[in-house]
Amino acid sequence: DADGAALVANGVVGVFEGANMPSTPEAIAHFEERGVIFGPAKASNAGGVAVSGMEMAQNAQRVSWDAETVDRELQAVMTRIHGECHAAAVEYGFGGNLKAGANIAGFKRVADALRDQGAV
């Protein structure tokens, strides 16, 4: 992918998707082969989902958080997500591959929920 190659050629050290999977598989492979940190959409977009959840919680409780509280909570959520993705990648032999870790961590969450609900 020419865009991915151009990013690497210009010295990019990390690519974190902000849209729904905008990077082609070829670009992702190019990033991974050259040691560029890649944050897949499913992980990096989780911040927007988290803030929506915080907004719903505030509305349900009829409270309003200030910007600093929202930012602190969002930082905690994103730090946890990164930690879970990284740990899953390492545990399953993918080093620091955040894409693999996000897929594994997401799968494990769904599998655990199904097991906990007695569905499997």
C-alpha atoms as a PDB file:
ATOM      1  CA  ASP A   1       0.000   0.000   0.000  1.00  0.00           C
ATOM      2  CA  ALA A   2       1.563   3.270  -1.165  1.00  0.00           C
ATOM      3  CA  ASP A   3       0.177   5.387   1.678  1.00  0.00           C
ATOM      4  CA  GLY A   4       1.501   2.991   4.320  1.00  0.00           C
ATOM      5  CA  ALA A   5       4.890   2.893   2.623  1.00  0.00           C
ATOM      6  CA  ALA A   6       4.964   6.695   2.467  1.00  0.00           C
ATOM      7  CA  LEU A   7       4.227   6.966   6.187  1.00  0.00           C
ATOM      8  CA  VAL A   8       7.064   4.574   7.010  1.00  0.00           C
ATOM      9  CA  ALA A   9       9.443   6.329   4.591  1.00  0.00           C
ATOM     10  CA  ASN A  10       8.712   9.619   6.353  1.00  0.00           C
ATOM     11  CA  GLY A  11       9.639   8.203   9.755  1.00  0.00           C
ATOM     12  CA  VAL A  12       6.283   7.445  11.348  1.00  0.00           C
ATOM     13  CA  VAL A  13       6.685   5.478  14.580  1.00  0.00           C
ATOM     14  CA  GLY A  14       3.022   4.683  15.244  1.00  0.00           C
ATOM     15  CA  VAL A  15      -0.285   4.516  13.388  1.00  0.00           C
ATOM     16  CA  PHE A  16      -3.497   4.556  15.389  1.00  0.00           C
ATOM     17  CA  GLU A  17      -6.694   4.207  13.408  1.00  0.00           C
ATOM     18  CA  GLY A  18      -9.343   6.834  14.029  1.00  0.00           C
ATOM     19  CA  ALA A  19     -11.910   5.489  11.585  1.00  0.00           C
ATOM     20  CA  ASN A  20     -13.418   2.053  11.102  1.00  0.00           C
ATOM     21  CA  MET A  21     -10.503  -0.008   9.778  1.00  0.00           C
ATOM     22  CA  PRO A  22      -9.067   2.505   7.265  1.00  0.00           C
ATOM     23  CA  SER A  23      -5.700   0.750   6.919  1.00  0.00           C
ATOM     24  CA  THR A  24      -5.459  -1.928   4.252  1.00  0.00           C
ATOM     25  CA  PRO A  25      -4.086  -5.352   5.196  1.00  0.00           C
ATOM     26  CA  GLU A  26      -1.053  -4.537   3.023  1.00  0.00           C
ATOM     27  CA  ALA A  27      -0.392  -1.307   4.924  1.00  0.00           C
ATOM     28  CA  ILE A  28      -0.743  -3.085   8.259  1.00  0.00           C
ATOM     29  CA  ALA A  29       1.713  -5.766   7.135  1.00  0.00           C
ATOM     30  CA  HIS A  30       4.108  -3.018   6.010  1.00  0.00           C
ATOM     31  CA  PHE A  31       3.857  -1.336   9.432  1.00  0.00           C
ATOM     32  CA  GLU A  32       4.377  -4.602  11.303  1.00  0.00           C
ATOM     33  CA  GLU A  33       7.359  -5.655   9.143  1.00  0.00           C
ATOM     34  CA  ARG A  34       9.081  -2.355   9.892  1.00  0.00           C
ATOM     35  CA  GLY A  35       8.358  -2.175  13.606  1.00  0.00           C
ATOM     36  CA  VAL A  36       5.765   0.607  13.405  1.00  0.00           C
ATOM     37  CA  ILE A  37       3.367   0.467  16.337  1.00  0.00           C
ATOM     38  CA  PHE A  38      -0.127  -0.161  14.989  1.00  0.00           C
ATOM     39  CA  GLY A  39      -3.238   0.636  17.035  1.00  0.00           C
ATOM     40  CA  PRO A  40      -6.243  -0.998  15.351  1.00  0.00           C
ATOM     41  CA  ALA A  41      -9.590   0.807  15.164  1.00  0.00           C
ATOM     42  CA  LYS A  42     -11.252  -1.631  17.552  1.00  0.00           C
ATOM     43  CA  ALA A  43      -8.878  -0.516  20.297  1.00  0.00           C
ATOM     44  CA  SER A  44      -8.195   3.115  19.483  1.00  0.00           C
ATOM     45  CA  ASN A  45     -11.862   3.928  18.829  1.00  0.00           C
ATOM     46  CA  ALA A  46     -12.849   2.480  22.170  1.00  0.00           C
ATOM     47  CA  GLY A  47     -12.368   5.925  23.690  1.00  0.00           C
ATOM     48  CA  GLY A  48     -15.419   7.282  21.891  1.00  0.00           C
ATOM     49  CA  VAL A  49     -17.479   4.317  23.001  1.00  0.00           C
ATOM     50  CA  ALA A  50     -16.228   4.747  26.569  1.00  0.00           C
ATOM     51  CA  VAL A  51     -17.116   8.440  26.648  1.00  0.00           C
ATOM     52  CA  SER A  52     -20.602   7.622  25.323  1.00  0.00           C
ATOM     53  CA  GLY A  53     -20.992   5.155  28.177  1.00  0.00           C
ATOM     54  CA  MET A  54     -19.831   7.780  30.672  1.00  0.00           C
ATOM     55  CA  GLU A  55     -22.363  10.212  29.237  1.00  0.00           C
ATOM     56  CA  MET A  56     -25.153   7.651  29.642  1.00  0.00           C
ATOM     57  CA  ALA A  57     -24.075   7.001  33.241  1.00  0.00           C
ATOM     58  CA  GLN A  58     -24.108  10.724  34.005  1.00  0.00           C
ATOM     59  CA  ASN A  59     -27.554  11.095  32.462  1.00  0.00           C
ATOM     60  CA  ALA A  60     -28.925   8.129  34.417  1.00  0.00           C
ATOM     61  CA  GLN A  61     -27.559   9.560  37.672  1.00  0.00           C
ATOM     62  CA  ARG A  62     -28.601  13.098  36.751  1.00  0.00           C
ATOM     63  CA  VAL A  63     -25.081  14.392  37.355  1.00  0.00           C
ATOM     64  CA  SER A  64     -22.588  16.220  35.200  1.00  0.00           C
ATOM     65  CA  TRP A  65     -18.851  15.567  35.288  1.00  0.00           C
ATOM     66  CA  ASP A  66     -16.359  18.321  34.605  1.00  0.00           C
ATOM     67  CA  ALA A  67     -13.874  17.941  31.770  1.00  0.00           C
ATOM     68  CA  GLU A  68     -11.075  16.871  34.101  1.00  0.00           C
ATOM     69  CA  THR A  69     -13.156  13.981  35.484  1.00  0.00           C
ATOM     70  CA  VAL A  70     -14.112  12.780  32.005  1.00  0.00           C
ATOM     71  CA  ASP A  71     -10.481  12.979  30.900  1.00  0.00           C
ATOM     72  CA  ARG A  72      -9.265  11.111  33.987  1.00  0.00           C
ATOM     73  CA  GLU A  73     -11.841   8.344  33.469  1.00  0.00           C
ATOM     74  CA  LEU A  74     -11.051   8.128  29.754  1.00  0.00           C
ATOM     75  CA  GLN A  75      -7.315   7.905  30.466  1.00  0.00           C
ATOM     76  CA  ALA A  76      -8.002   5.017  32.853  1.00  0.00           C
ATOM     77  CA  VAL A  77     -10.141   3.185  30.286  1.00  0.00           C
ATOM     78  CA  MET A  78      -7.634   3.594  27.469  1.00  0.00           C
ATOM     79  CA  THR A  79      -4.714   2.594  29.704  1.00  0.00           C
ATOM     80  CA  ARG A  80      -6.615  -0.573  30.690  1.00  0.00           C
ATOM     81  CA  ILE A  81      -7.441  -1.371  27.052  1.00  0.00           C
ATOM     82  CA  HIS A  82      -3.817  -0.947  25.992  1.00  0.00           C
ATOM     83  CA  GLY A  83      -2.673  -3.120  28.878  1.00  0.00           C
ATOM     84  CA  GLU A  84      -5.168  -5.872  28.032  1.00  0.00           C
ATOM     85  CA  CYS A  85      -4.266  -5.833  24.330  1.00  0.00           C
ATOM     86  CA  HIS A  86      -0.540  -5.895  25.020  1.00  0.00           C
ATOM     87  CA  ALA A  87      -0.835  -8.622  27.664  1.00  0.00           C
ATOM     88  CA  ALA A  88      -2.962 -10.832  25.395  1.00  0.00           C
ATOM     89  CA  ALA A  89      -0.496 -10.418  22.524  1.00  0.00           C
ATOM     90  CA  VAL A  90       2.424 -11.365  24.738  1.00  0.00           C
ATOM     91  CA  GLU A  91       0.573 -14.279  26.388  1.00  0.00           C
ATOM     92  CA  TYR A  92      -0.285 -15.822  23.023  1.00  0.00           C
ATOM     93  CA  GLY A  93       3.127 -15.326  21.416  1.00  0.00           C
ATOM     94  CA  PHE A  94       2.519 -12.194  19.338  1.00  0.00           C
ATOM     95  CA  GLY A  95       4.991  -9.942  21.147  1.00  0.00           C
ATOM     96  CA  GLY A  96       3.740  -6.367  21.237  1.00  0.00           C
ATOM     97  CA  ASN A  97       1.342  -6.769  18.272  1.00  0.00           C
ATOM     98  CA  LEU A  98      -1.623  -4.669  19.437  1.00  0.00           C
ATOM     99  CA  LYS A  99      -3.808  -5.815  16.533  1.00  0.00           C
ATOM    100  CA  ALA A 100      -3.445  -9.465  17.532  1.00  0.00           C
ATOM    101  CA  GLY A 101      -3.822  -8.533  21.193  1.00  0.00           C
ATOM    102  CA  ALA A 102      -7.028  -6.571  20.544  1.00  0.00           C
ATOM    103  CA  ASN A 103      -8.496  -9.497  18.618  1.00  0.00           C
ATOM    104  CA  ILE A 104      -7.535 -11.983  21.317  1.00  0.00           C
ATOM    105  CA  ALA A 105      -8.664  -9.796  24.222  1.00  0.00           C
ATOM    106  CA  GLY A 106     -11.995  -9.103  22.496  1.00  0.00           C
ATOM    107  CA  PHE A 107     -12.547 -12.779  21.754  1.00  0.00           C
ATOM    108  CA  LYS A 108     -11.721 -13.716  25.339  1.00  0.00           C
ATOM    109  CA  ARG A 109     -14.215 -11.148  26.694  1.00  0.00           C
ATOM    110  CA  VAL A 110     -17.014 -12.552  24.545  1.00  0.00           C
ATOM    111  CA  ALA A 111     -16.059 -16.168  25.323  1.00  0.00           C
ATOM    112  CA  ASP A 112     -15.908 -15.441  29.068  1.00  0.00           C
ATOM    113  CA  ALA A 113     -19.307 -13.718  28.965  1.00  0.00           C
ATOM    114  CA  LEU A 114     -20.842 -16.667  27.111  1.00  0.00           C
ATOM    115  CA  ARG A 115     -19.347 -19.095  29.613  1.00  0.00           C
ATOM    116  CA  ASP A 116     -20.439 -16.995  32.587  1.00  0.00           C
ATOM    117  CA  GLN A 117     -24.007 -16.880  31.233  1.00  0.00           C
ATOM    118  CA  GLY A 118     -24.032 -20.647  30.738  1.00  0.00           C
ATOM    119  CA  ALA A 119     -24.291 -20.390  26.958  1.00  0.00           C
ATOM    120  CA  VAL A 120     -21.301 -22.664  26.395  1.00  0.00           C
END
